[in-house]
Amino acid sequence: MQDKLKVLLIGSGGRESAIAFHLRKSPLLSELKVFPGNGGFSDQEILPPNSFNVLSKESVQSFLKQNPFDFIVVGPEDPLVAGFADWTAELKIPTFGPDSYCAQVEGSKDFAKSLMMEAKVPTAEYATFTEYYSSLNYLETKKIPIVIKADGLAAGKGVTVATTKEMAINALKEIFQEKKFGESGNQVVIEEFMDGQEASIFAVSDGDSYFLLPAAQDHKRAYDGDQGPNTGGMGAYCPAPVVTDSILEKVKETVFDRMFEVFRKKGHPYRGLLYAGLMISPDGEPRVVEFNCRFGDPETQCVLAMLDGDLLELLYTASTGKIQGIQASVKKGAATVVVLAAKGYPDSYEKNIPLNLPETLGQNTYLFHAGTLKKDGKVFSSGGRILGVVAYGSDLKSSVSQAYSFLENIQAPKTFYRKDIGHRAL
């Protein structure tokens, strides 16, 4: 490994703010640049706007030839699905993130389901359709509730858990007839509804072996008591007690071992982060809801607070060698993230809300920017999810309490946050 690494981080959310925070702690880091970044990054770290187009091979390679980096970490899924890691491999720049073949595990629901079937990974029964009327006929033969998914990337908005037949029909109409998700809706996956508690587990893989981060539980609904519309996530905590040691062993054996093995068989060893979104049934059986090809947000913000080790060393070694000798482990205790959002999110919401942020944080409390921007040295909101407040404590109760006591000091009009993050485990 090189003595020092000049690192480029791709992304602009709370996830990237958290990754950057942990990368900066590494003695291996010589310089960190981020693109496009947000209002929480220093001006020195952010590359100029329009430096390159993350979805264009020509643009990415042209920029990197003129601006060399030792290592690249890709936060969001879109560049990975487009082929970002393939383009940097051609330039021999180590990149944390899977190649475009492996990234299809998030880029196409049908690809992910067919791979799961081949690998015998436990998941929901499903069928895939390319037109409206055949999907409608299939729907008539199935029980409600049922899950309708646009096949491609839809910024987390392409999934409907239909609790009535009317909802299911409407979801199919939106995808096929109204083209709500464009080309992402050229195919639809219809799945059986799975009951239970959700959990997210991240595996950092070098293509051969992998390191598991602690299970987290996200809170998708906008309001307390799991009410309101689905969002990108209003908060999370880890470890999630629903994932017991015995369930974790099942997940290793029936999910991660099998998926990584099938990728190797396809000639595409999975190097990067594989995120398993799980449903744990009431009798303790884990099944896969979805896979993502990158760190989840907001879970990453609390999960990385539990890592005892050098994140940069772990990610760089996963991208260039074997991680088995890396000194990385999971801390005892618990971590929580609570998201501050703009009122109206996830529907229409106001932007440019002035944010009056406290100067100092408590011990083991961190503030990660997501939808923010800087104007004349002041910070304003620019997105629906504005900030993540993360607290690490000796147990879940203390970490939740720390996060909320800090949130009470933030002065920001027209914002809201859930007040019951972690309620299932408290």
Protein backbone atom coordinates (compact mmCIF):
# COMPACT_ATOMS: atom_id res chain seq x y z
CA MET A 1 0.00 0.00 0.00
CA GLN A 2 1.13 3.55 -0.73
CA ASP A 3 2.19 5.64 2.26
CA LYS A 4 -0.31 8.40 1.56
CA LEU A 5 -3.41 8.55 -0.63
CA LYS A 6 -5.00 11.43 -2.49
CA VAL A 7 -8.70 10.49 -2.40
CA LEU A 8 -11.70 11.57 -4.47
CA LEU A 9 -15.16 11.05 -2.92
CA ILE A 10 -18.18 11.09 -5.24
CA GLY A 11 -21.54 12.22 -3.81
CA SER A 12 -23.43 14.98 -2.05
CA GLY A 13 -25.49 13.50 0.80
CA GLY A 14 -25.34 12.67 4.48
CA ARG A 15 -23.76 9.35 3.55
CA GLU A 16 -20.82 11.11 1.89
CA SER A 17 -20.48 13.55 4.81
CA ALA A 18 -20.16 10.57 7.17
CA ILE A 19 -17.72 8.69 4.90
CA ALA A 20 -15.57 11.84 4.59
CA PHE A 21 -15.54 12.32 8.37
CA HIS A 22 -14.11 8.83 8.87
CA LEU A 23 -11.69 9.04 5.91
CA ARG A 24 -10.20 12.23 7.38
CA LYS A 25 -9.22 10.34 10.54
CA SER A 26 -6.94 7.98 8.59
CA PRO A 27 -3.16 8.49 8.75
CA LEU A 28 -3.10 7.18 5.16
CA LEU A 29 -4.94 10.26 3.82
CA SER A 30 -2.84 12.97 2.18
CA GLU A 31 -5.68 14.96 0.59
CA LEU A 32 -9.46 14.61 0.22
CA LYS A 33 -11.51 16.10 -2.60
CA VAL A 34 -15.27 15.68 -2.99
CA PHE A 35 -17.63 16.12 -5.95
CA PRO A 36 -20.20 17.60 -5.98
CA GLY A 37 -20.30 17.81 -2.14
CA ASN A 38 -22.65 19.93 -0.01
CA GLY A 39 -22.66 22.85 2.43
CA GLY A 40 -20.89 20.85 5.14
CA PHE A 41 -17.62 20.46 3.22
CA SER A 42 -14.87 23.06 3.28
CA ASP A 43 -14.35 25.13 0.14
CA GLN A 44 -10.87 23.57 -0.16
CA GLU A 45 -12.33 20.05 -0.36
CA ILE A 46 -15.03 20.65 -2.97
CA LEU A 47 -14.06 20.44 -6.65
CA PRO A 48 -15.34 23.26 -8.87
CA PRO A 49 -18.92 22.83 -10.16
CA ASN A 50 -19.12 21.12 -13.55
CA SER A 51 -15.66 19.55 -13.11
CA PHE A 52 -17.06 16.46 -14.86
CA ASN A 53 -20.24 14.48 -15.46
CA VAL A 54 -20.27 11.39 -13.19
CA LEU A 55 -22.46 9.53 -15.71
CA SER A 56 -20.22 10.14 -18.74
CA LYS A 57 -17.22 7.89 -19.39
CA GLU A 58 -15.53 10.45 -21.64
CA SER A 59 -16.02 13.25 -19.10
CA VAL A 60 -14.83 11.17 -16.11
CA GLN A 61 -11.75 9.79 -17.85
CA SER A 62 -10.78 13.15 -19.33
CA PHE A 63 -10.93 14.79 -15.88
CA LEU A 64 -8.98 12.01 -14.16
CA LYS A 65 -6.23 12.03 -16.77
CA GLN A 66 -5.66 15.72 -16.03
CA ASN A 67 -6.29 15.46 -12.26
CA PRO A 68 -4.78 12.22 -10.95
CA PHE A 69 -6.03 10.53 -7.76
CA ASP A 70 -4.69 7.50 -5.90
CA PHE A 71 -8.12 6.23 -4.85
CA ILE A 72 -11.80 6.97 -5.51
CA VAL A 73 -14.79 6.20 -3.25
CA VAL A 74 -18.20 6.27 -4.99
CA GLY A 75 -21.15 7.06 -2.71
CA PRO A 76 -24.33 6.95 -4.88
CA GLU A 77 -25.60 4.14 -7.07
CA ASP A 78 -26.18 5.93 -10.40
CA PRO A 79 -22.49 6.28 -11.38
CA LEU A 80 -21.77 2.66 -10.40
CA VAL A 81 -24.66 1.33 -12.49
CA ALA A 82 -23.51 3.55 -15.39
CA GLY A 83 -20.00 1.99 -15.22
CA PHE A 84 -17.89 4.41 -13.17
CA ALA A 85 -15.72 1.63 -11.66
CA ASP A 86 -15.17 0.12 -15.13
CA TRP A 87 -14.00 3.50 -16.50
CA THR A 88 -11.55 4.06 -13.63
CA ALA A 89 -10.27 0.46 -13.94
CA GLU A 90 -9.25 1.28 -17.52
CA LEU A 91 -7.13 4.11 -16.07
CA LYS A 92 -5.81 1.77 -13.33
CA ILE A 93 -7.21 3.97 -10.53
CA PRO A 94 -8.38 1.85 -7.56
CA THR A 95 -12.06 2.57 -6.88
CA PHE A 96 -14.33 1.45 -4.05
CA GLY A 97 -17.50 0.33 -5.77
CA PRO A 98 -18.50 -2.66 -7.91
CA ASP A 99 -18.24 -2.88 -11.69
CA SER A 100 -21.34 -2.22 -13.78
CA TYR A 101 -22.20 -5.94 -14.04
CA CYS A 102 -22.29 -6.34 -10.24
CA ALA A 103 -24.03 -2.96 -9.80
CA GLN A 104 -27.01 -4.33 -11.70
CA VAL A 105 -27.93 -5.97 -8.39
CA GLU A 106 -29.37 -2.53 -7.62
CA GLY A 107 -29.83 -1.25 -11.15
CA SER A 108 -32.33 -3.97 -12.09
CA LYS A 109 -34.79 -5.64 -9.69
CA ASP A 110 -35.26 -8.48 -12.20
CA PHE A 111 -31.48 -9.07 -12.43
CA ALA A 112 -31.24 -9.17 -8.62
CA LYS A 113 -34.18 -11.58 -8.27
CA SER A 114 -32.92 -13.95 -10.97
CA LEU A 115 -29.47 -14.00 -9.37
CA MET A 116 -31.04 -14.71 -5.96
CA MET A 117 -32.98 -17.61 -7.46
CA GLU A 118 -29.81 -19.02 -9.01
CA ALA A 119 -27.88 -18.64 -5.74
CA LYS A 120 -30.80 -19.99 -3.65
CA VAL A 121 -30.94 -16.82 -1.54
CA PRO A 122 -34.19 -16.61 0.47
CA THR A 123 -36.46 -13.90 -0.93
CA ALA A 124 -40.09 -13.19 -1.89
CA GLU A 125 -41.81 -15.07 -4.71
CA TYR A 126 -41.93 -12.82 -7.78
CA ALA A 127 -42.74 -12.42 -11.46
CA THR A 128 -41.44 -9.89 -14.02
CA PHE A 129 -43.52 -8.16 -16.71
CA THR A 130 -42.83 -5.89 -19.65
CA GLU A 131 -46.38 -4.73 -20.36
CA TYR A 132 -49.48 -3.62 -18.47
CA TYR A 133 -52.16 -6.21 -19.32
CA SER A 134 -50.15 -9.34 -18.52
CA SER A 135 -49.15 -7.81 -15.17
CA LEU A 136 -52.84 -7.03 -14.51
CA ASN A 137 -53.83 -10.64 -15.25
CA TYR A 138 -51.14 -11.90 -12.85
CA LEU A 139 -52.35 -9.50 -10.17
CA GLU A 140 -55.82 -11.06 -10.33
CA THR A 141 -54.35 -14.41 -9.19
CA LYS A 142 -52.48 -12.99 -6.15
CA LYS A 143 -53.31 -12.06 -2.57
CA ILE A 144 -53.24 -8.50 -1.21
CA PRO A 145 -51.08 -6.87 0.14
CA ILE A 146 -48.62 -7.15 -2.72
CA VAL A 147 -45.48 -5.25 -3.77
CA ILE A 148 -45.06 -3.49 -7.13
CA LYS A 149 -41.52 -2.42 -8.16
CA ALA A 150 -40.28 -0.48 -11.17
CA ASP A 151 -37.33 -2.54 -12.40
CA GLY A 152 -34.68 0.18 -12.67
CA LEU A 153 -33.33 2.99 -10.51
CA ALA A 154 -36.06 5.34 -9.33
CA ALA A 155 -34.35 7.31 -6.53
CA GLY A 156 -36.01 5.08 -3.94
CA LYS A 157 -39.51 6.01 -5.17
CA GLY A 158 -40.29 3.10 -7.51
CA VAL A 159 -41.74 0.69 -4.93
CA THR A 160 -45.39 0.47 -3.87
CA VAL A 161 -46.60 -1.76 -1.04
CA ALA A 162 -50.19 -2.08 -2.21
CA THR A 163 -52.68 -2.75 0.59
CA THR A 164 -55.65 -2.76 -1.83
CA LYS A 165 -56.10 -4.04 -5.37
CA GLU A 166 -56.84 -0.46 -6.48
CA MET A 167 -53.45 0.69 -5.18
CA ALA A 168 -51.71 -2.12 -7.06
CA ILE A 169 -53.54 -1.35 -10.32
CA ASN A 170 -52.76 2.35 -9.93
CA ALA A 171 -49.05 1.59 -9.37
CA LEU A 172 -48.97 -0.50 -12.56
CA LYS A 173 -50.72 2.30 -14.48
CA GLU A 174 -48.21 4.88 -13.22
CA ILE A 175 -45.28 2.74 -14.30
CA PHE A 176 -46.49 1.33 -17.63
CA GLN A 177 -49.01 3.84 -18.94
CA GLU A 178 -48.03 7.17 -17.37
CA LYS A 179 -44.28 6.40 -17.62
CA LYS A 180 -43.75 7.96 -14.19
CA PHE A 181 -40.26 6.45 -13.91
CA GLY A 182 -39.26 6.64 -17.57
CA GLU A 183 -37.04 3.79 -18.76
CA SER A 184 -36.74 2.50 -15.19
CA GLY A 185 -40.33 1.34 -15.63
CA ASN A 186 -39.81 -0.66 -18.85
CA GLN A 187 -40.09 -3.74 -16.66
CA VAL A 188 -42.06 -4.33 -13.47
CA VAL A 189 -41.39 -6.87 -10.74
CA ILE A 190 -44.40 -8.00 -8.70
CA GLU A 191 -43.54 -9.65 -5.39
CA GLU A 192 -45.37 -11.31 -2.55
CA PHE A 193 -45.64 -9.15 0.57
CA MET A 194 -43.28 -10.19 3.38
CA ASP A 195 -44.29 -9.54 6.97
CA GLY A 196 -41.80 -8.81 9.76
CA GLN A 197 -39.17 -6.28 10.78
CA GLU A 198 -36.72 -4.74 8.32
CA ALA A 199 -32.97 -4.58 8.87
CA SER A 200 -30.01 -3.45 6.77
CA ILE A 201 -26.61 -5.15 6.76
CA PHE A 202 -23.54 -3.90 4.86
CA ALA A 203 -20.69 -6.15 3.71
CA VAL A 204 -17.36 -4.71 2.53
CA SER A 205 -16.02 -7.26 0.01
CA ASP A 206 -12.64 -7.68 -1.72
CA GLY A 207 -14.11 -10.22 -4.17
CA ASP A 208 -13.07 -13.17 -2.03
CA SER A 209 -13.62 -12.40 1.67
CA TYR A 210 -15.82 -9.79 3.33
CA PHE A 211 -16.20 -7.72 6.51
CA LEU A 212 -19.69 -7.29 8.00
CA LEU A 213 -20.73 -4.04 9.61
CA PRO A 214 -23.40 -4.17 12.36
CA ALA A 215 -27.07 -4.47 11.39
CA ALA A 216 -29.06 -1.23 11.35
CA GLN A 217 -32.77 -0.51 11.30
CA ASP A 218 -33.98 2.42 9.21
CA HIS A 219 -37.22 4.40 9.74
CA LYS A 220 -38.74 4.99 6.30
CA ARG A 221 -42.05 6.67 7.18
CA ALA A 222 -42.08 10.44 7.54
CA TYR A 223 -43.85 10.71 10.89
CA ASP A 224 -43.83 9.25 14.40
CA GLY A 225 -45.40 5.84 14.87
CA ASP A 226 -44.36 4.84 11.33
CA GLN A 227 -47.10 7.02 9.85
CA GLY A 228 -47.12 9.09 6.67
CA PRO A 229 -45.47 8.61 3.28
CA ASN A 230 -42.31 6.60 2.64
CA THR A 231 -39.11 8.64 2.54
CA GLY A 232 -35.44 8.00 1.85
CA GLY A 233 -35.11 7.44 5.61
CA MET A 234 -35.80 9.64 8.65
CA GLY A 235 -33.31 8.02 11.00
CA ALA A 236 -31.67 4.75 11.94
CA TYR A 237 -29.94 2.98 14.78
CA CYS A 238 -27.48 0.16 15.18
CA PRO A 239 -26.94 -2.51 16.18
CA ALA A 240 -30.53 -3.66 15.52
CA PRO A 241 -31.52 -6.21 18.21
CA VAL A 242 -33.90 -7.91 15.75
CA VAL A 243 -30.78 -9.39 14.11
CA THR A 244 -29.70 -11.88 16.78
CA ASP A 245 -26.44 -13.85 16.57
CA SER A 246 -28.27 -16.87 15.16
CA ILE A 247 -30.07 -14.75 12.53
CA LEU A 248 -26.76 -13.13 11.59
CA GLU A 249 -25.22 -16.56 11.01
CA LYS A 250 -28.14 -17.42 8.71
CA VAL A 251 -27.65 -14.15 6.82
CA LYS A 252 -23.93 -14.85 6.34
CA GLU A 253 -24.55 -18.37 5.09
CA THR A 254 -27.72 -17.97 3.02
CA VAL A 255 -27.30 -14.40 1.75
CA PHE A 256 -23.75 -13.04 1.59
CA ASP A 257 -21.80 -16.30 1.09
CA ARG A 258 -24.17 -17.36 -1.69
CA MET A 259 -24.33 -13.99 -3.46
CA PHE A 260 -20.58 -13.46 -3.47
CA GLU A 261 -20.11 -17.02 -4.73
CA VAL A 262 -22.53 -16.54 -7.63
CA PHE A 263 -20.76 -13.29 -8.65
CA ARG A 264 -17.43 -15.15 -8.68
CA LYS A 265 -18.99 -17.87 -10.86
CA LYS A 266 -20.14 -15.18 -13.31
CA GLY A 267 -16.54 -14.00 -13.62
CA HIS A 268 -17.25 -10.75 -11.76
CA PRO A 269 -15.93 -10.98 -8.19
CA TYR A 270 -17.85 -8.38 -6.16
CA ARG A 271 -15.47 -5.67 -4.91
CA GLY A 272 -17.16 -2.92 -2.96
CA LEU A 273 -20.11 -2.57 -0.63
CA LEU A 274 -23.07 -4.96 -0.87
CA TYR A 275 -26.10 -3.77 1.11
CA ALA A 276 -28.70 -6.40 1.98
CA GLY A 277 -32.12 -5.02 2.87
CA LEU A 278 -33.71 -7.82 4.90
CA MET A 279 -37.11 -8.74 6.25
CA ILE A 280 -36.90 -10.76 9.47
CA SER A 281 -40.07 -12.82 9.85
CA PRO A 282 -41.78 -13.16 13.25
CA ASP A 283 -40.24 -16.67 13.55
CA GLY A 284 -36.72 -15.34 12.89
CA GLU A 285 -36.22 -16.24 9.23
CA PRO A 286 -34.33 -13.61 7.18
CA ARG A 287 -35.32 -12.97 3.56
CA VAL A 288 -33.92 -10.38 1.15
CA VAL A 289 -36.15 -7.44 0.22
CA GLU A 290 -33.51 -5.80 -1.99
CA PHE A 291 -29.80 -5.40 -2.60
CA ASN A 292 -27.99 -2.10 -3.06
CA CYS A 293 -24.52 -1.71 -4.54
CA ARG A 294 -23.42 1.07 -2.15
CA PHE A 295 -23.64 2.36 1.41
CA GLY A 296 -27.22 3.17 2.46
CA ASP A 297 -28.32 6.58 3.66
CA PRO A 298 -29.01 7.46 6.48
CA GLU A 299 -27.90 4.11 7.98
CA THR A 300 -24.24 4.66 7.02
CA GLN A 301 -24.12 7.69 9.31
CA CYS A 302 -24.73 5.58 12.42
CA VAL A 303 -23.15 2.32 11.18
CA LEU A 304 -19.74 3.92 10.58
CA ALA A 305 -19.82 5.34 14.12
CA MET A 306 -19.63 1.69 15.26
CA LEU A 307 -16.50 0.89 13.22
CA ASP A 308 -13.33 0.45 15.24
CA GLY A 309 -10.58 0.72 12.66
CA ASP A 310 -9.28 2.73 9.71
CA LEU A 311 -12.07 3.15 7.14
CA LEU A 312 -9.71 4.33 4.39
CA GLU A 313 -7.44 1.31 4.88
CA LEU A 314 -10.43 -1.05 4.80
CA LEU A 315 -11.95 0.42 1.62
CA TYR A 316 -8.62 0.80 -0.21
CA THR A 317 -7.55 -2.75 0.62
CA ALA A 318 -10.94 -4.15 -0.46
CA SER A 319 -10.42 -2.43 -3.81
CA THR A 320 -6.81 -3.52 -4.31
CA GLY A 321 -6.12 -6.67 -2.32
CA LYS A 322 -7.34 -8.88 0.53
CA ILE A 323 -8.96 -7.46 3.68
CA GLN A 324 -8.40 -10.49 5.94
CA GLY A 325 -5.40 -8.97 7.72
CA ILE A 326 -7.03 -5.57 8.31
CA GLN A 327 -7.48 -4.60 11.96
CA ALA A 328 -11.14 -3.64 11.85
CA SER A 329 -13.80 -4.59 14.37
CA VAL A 330 -17.13 -3.37 15.71
CA LYS A 331 -17.35 -1.30 18.91
CA LYS A 332 -19.58 -2.16 21.82
CA GLY A 333 -22.43 0.27 22.50
CA ALA A 334 -24.88 1.77 20.01
CA ALA A 335 -25.25 4.64 17.55
CA THR A 336 -28.29 6.58 16.35
CA VAL A 337 -28.90 9.02 13.51
CA VAL A 338 -31.91 11.36 13.42
CA VAL A 339 -32.64 13.24 10.19
CA LEU A 340 -33.74 16.89 10.17
CA ALA A 341 -36.00 17.40 7.15
CA ALA A 342 -37.80 20.28 5.45
CA LYS A 343 -41.52 20.51 6.26
CA GLY A 344 -43.49 18.84 3.47
CA TYR A 345 -40.77 16.27 2.68
CA PRO A 346 -40.99 13.84 0.85
CA ASP A 347 -43.54 15.79 -1.22
CA SER A 348 -43.14 19.49 -2.01
CA TYR A 349 -41.00 21.40 0.48
CA GLU A 350 -39.30 24.76 0.84
CA LYS A 351 -35.60 25.24 0.05
CA ASN A 352 -33.14 27.92 1.16
CA ILE A 353 -34.16 27.62 4.82
CA PRO A 354 -31.50 29.43 6.91
CA LEU A 355 -29.78 27.03 9.33
CA ASN A 356 -28.49 28.36 12.63
CA LEU A 357 -26.24 25.52 13.77
CA PRO A 358 -24.62 25.25 17.21
CA GLU A 359 -20.88 25.90 17.27
CA THR A 360 -19.98 22.90 19.42
CA LEU A 361 -21.17 19.33 19.62
CA GLY A 362 -21.28 17.06 22.63
CA GLN A 363 -18.78 14.26 23.01
CA ASN A 364 -19.49 11.42 20.54
CA THR A 365 -22.12 13.55 18.74
CA TYR A 366 -21.65 14.39 15.06
CA LEU A 367 -23.49 16.59 12.60
CA PHE A 368 -23.54 15.44 8.96
CA HIS A 369 -24.82 17.71 6.19
CA ALA A 370 -27.05 16.30 3.44
CA GLY A 371 -29.29 18.75 1.55
CA THR A 372 -27.35 21.94 2.35
CA LEU A 373 -25.42 24.65 0.52
CA LYS A 374 -23.26 27.60 1.50
CA LYS A 375 -23.95 31.18 0.44
CA ASP A 376 -21.72 34.01 1.67
CA GLY A 377 -20.40 31.82 4.45
CA LYS A 378 -23.90 30.94 5.72
CA VAL A 379 -25.59 27.53 5.46
CA PHE A 380 -29.03 27.03 3.87
CA SER A 381 -31.14 24.00 3.06
CA SER A 382 -31.12 22.72 -0.53
CA GLY A 383 -32.96 19.39 -0.21
CA GLY A 384 -35.66 17.49 1.66
CA ARG A 385 -33.33 15.71 4.06
CA ILE A 386 -31.16 18.51 5.41
CA LEU A 387 -28.97 17.16 8.22
CA GLY A 388 -28.24 13.99 10.14
CA VAL A 389 -27.41 14.14 13.85
CA VAL A 390 -25.43 11.08 14.96
CA ALA A 391 -24.70 10.08 18.54
CA TYR A 392 -22.67 7.15 19.84
CA GLY A 393 -23.33 5.90 23.38
CA SER A 394 -22.76 3.00 25.74
CA ASP A 395 -26.25 1.74 24.87
CA LEU A 396 -29.11 2.64 22.52
CA LYS A 397 -31.01 4.68 25.10
CA SER A 398 -28.06 6.99 25.75
CA SER A 399 -27.25 7.41 22.04
CA VAL A 400 -30.90 8.31 21.25
CA SER A 401 -30.98 10.77 24.15
CA GLN A 402 -27.73 12.47 23.02
CA ALA A 403 -28.97 12.87 19.45
CA TYR A 404 -32.25 14.47 20.52
CA SER A 405 -30.65 16.82 23.05
CA PHE A 406 -28.42 18.15 20.29
CA LEU A 407 -31.32 18.50 17.81
CA GLU A 408 -33.16 20.71 20.31
CA ASN A 409 -30.35 23.28 19.95
CA ILE A 410 -30.70 23.60 16.17
CA GLN A 411 -32.62 26.69 15.12
CA ALA A 412 -34.19 26.07 11.72
CA PRO A 413 -37.72 27.22 10.80
CA LYS A 414 -39.96 25.07 8.61
CA THR A 415 -38.21 21.81 9.52
CA PHE A 416 -39.22 18.65 11.37
CA TYR A 417 -37.81 15.38 12.65
CA ARG A 418 -39.19 12.14 14.02
CA LYS A 419 -39.14 11.92 17.80
CA ASP A 420 -39.30 8.12 18.06
CA ILE A 421 -36.17 6.85 16.29
CA GLY A 422 -35.16 3.53 17.87
CA HIS A 423 -38.62 2.95 19.42
CA ARG A 424 -38.76 -0.72 18.35
CA ALA A 425 -35.63 -1.51 20.37
CA LEU A 426 -36.17 0.72 23.43
